[in-house]
């Protein structure tokens, strides 16, 4: 079964990105395209993983 990427909880105005464990209570902004918080956190996680992988070589 495929992993969840993101959960939208409308009753609590909550969006959770399960890949990085980020939760925000700005569902309206996210649905309007304001994804900066998510893209910055995903980029930081990608950099962290790349550095960890480089350290293993």
C-alpha atoms as a PDB file:
ATOM      1  CA  UNK A   1       0.000   0.000   0.000  1.00  0.00           C
ATOM      2  CA  UNK A   2       1.234   3.473  -0.824  1.00  0.00           C
ATOM      3  CA  UNK A   3       2.394   5.834   1.899  1.00  0.00           C
ATOM      4  CA  UNK A   4       0.404   8.934   2.713  1.00  0.00           C
ATOM      5  CA  UNK A   5       2.084  12.105   1.595  1.00  0.00           C
ATOM      6  CA  UNK A   6      -0.257  14.694   3.047  1.00  0.00           C
ATOM      7  CA  UNK A   7      -3.439  14.747   5.127  1.00  0.00           C
ATOM      8  CA  UNK A   8      -5.989  17.558   4.979  1.00  0.00           C
ATOM      9  CA  UNK A   9      -8.263  17.902   8.024  1.00  0.00           C
ATOM     10  CA  UNK A  10     -10.861  20.533   7.195  1.00  0.00           C
ATOM     11  CA  UNK A  11     -12.654  20.527  10.550  1.00  0.00           C
ATOM     12  CA  UNK A  12      -9.392  21.468  12.317  1.00  0.00           C
ATOM     13  CA  UNK A  13      -8.002  23.594   9.447  1.00  0.00           C
ATOM     14  CA  UNK A  14      -4.930  21.344   9.567  1.00  0.00           C
ATOM     15  CA  UNK A  15      -2.558  20.065   6.897  1.00  0.00           C
ATOM     16  CA  UNK A  16       0.114  17.488   7.744  1.00  0.00           C
ATOM     17  CA  UNK A  17       2.949  16.428   5.457  1.00  0.00           C
ATOM     18  CA  UNK A  18       3.814  12.917   6.622  1.00  0.00           C
ATOM     19  CA  UNK A  19       7.167  12.772   4.805  1.00  0.00           C
ATOM     20  CA  UNK A  20       8.673  15.400   7.104  1.00  0.00           C
ATOM     21  CA  UNK A  21       6.202  15.473   9.987  1.00  0.00           C
ATOM     22  CA  UNK A  22       5.209  19.095   9.384  1.00  0.00           C
ATOM     23  CA  UNK A  23       1.754  20.232  10.497  1.00  0.00           C
ATOM     24  CA  UNK A  24       0.196  23.635   9.901  1.00  0.00           C
ATOM     25  CA  UNK A  25      -3.220  25.000  10.788  1.00  0.00           C
ATOM     26  CA  UNK A  26      -3.495  27.157   7.662  1.00  0.00           C
ATOM     27  CA  UNK A  27      -5.487  24.903   5.345  1.00  0.00           C
ATOM     28  CA  UNK A  28      -7.023  27.851   3.461  1.00  0.00           C
ATOM     29  CA  UNK A  29      -3.610  29.256   2.586  1.00  0.00           C
ATOM     30  CA  UNK A  30      -2.320  25.859   1.506  1.00  0.00           C
ATOM     31  CA  UNK A  31      -5.329  25.294  -0.732  1.00  0.00           C
ATOM     32  CA  UNK A  32      -4.742  28.737  -2.267  1.00  0.00           C
ATOM     33  CA  UNK A  33      -1.190  27.711  -3.168  1.00  0.00           C
ATOM     34  CA  UNK A  34       0.811  29.108  -0.248  1.00  0.00           C
ATOM     35  CA  UNK A  35       3.179  26.154   0.065  1.00  0.00           C
ATOM     36  CA  UNK A  36       6.338  28.023   1.104  1.00  0.00           C
ATOM     37  CA  UNK A  37       6.404  26.450   4.562  1.00  0.00           C
ATOM     38  CA  UNK A  38       6.242  22.968   3.034  1.00  0.00           C
ATOM     39  CA  UNK A  39       8.723  23.572   0.214  1.00  0.00           C
ATOM     40  CA  UNK A  40      11.283  25.092   2.599  1.00  0.00           C
ATOM     41  CA  UNK A  41      10.940  22.195   5.042  1.00  0.00           C
ATOM     42  CA  UNK A  42      11.170  19.631   2.228  1.00  0.00           C
ATOM     43  CA  UNK A  43      14.279  21.333   0.815  1.00  0.00           C
ATOM     44  CA  UNK A  44      15.897  21.351   4.265  1.00  0.00           C
ATOM     45  CA  UNK A  45      15.120  17.652   4.714  1.00  0.00           C
ATOM     46  CA  UNK A  46      16.568  16.895   1.281  1.00  0.00           C
ATOM     47  CA  UNK A  47      19.780  18.770   2.163  1.00  0.00           C
ATOM     48  CA  UNK A  48      19.987  16.902   5.475  1.00  0.00           C
ATOM     49  CA  UNK A  49      19.643  13.539   3.701  1.00  0.00           C
ATOM     50  CA  UNK A  50      22.228  14.472   1.072  1.00  0.00           C
ATOM     51  CA  UNK A  51      24.719  15.499   3.750  1.00  0.00           C
ATOM     52  CA  UNK A  52      24.059  12.300   5.686  1.00  0.00           C
ATOM     53  CA  UNK A  53      24.575  10.228   2.532  1.00  0.00           C
ATOM     54  CA  UNK A  54      27.793  12.097   1.703  1.00  0.00           C
ATOM     55  CA  UNK A  55      29.073  11.393   5.203  1.00  0.00           C
ATOM     56  CA  UNK A  56      28.514   7.665   4.703  1.00  0.00           C
ATOM     57  CA  UNK A  57      30.707   7.498   1.590  1.00  0.00           C
END
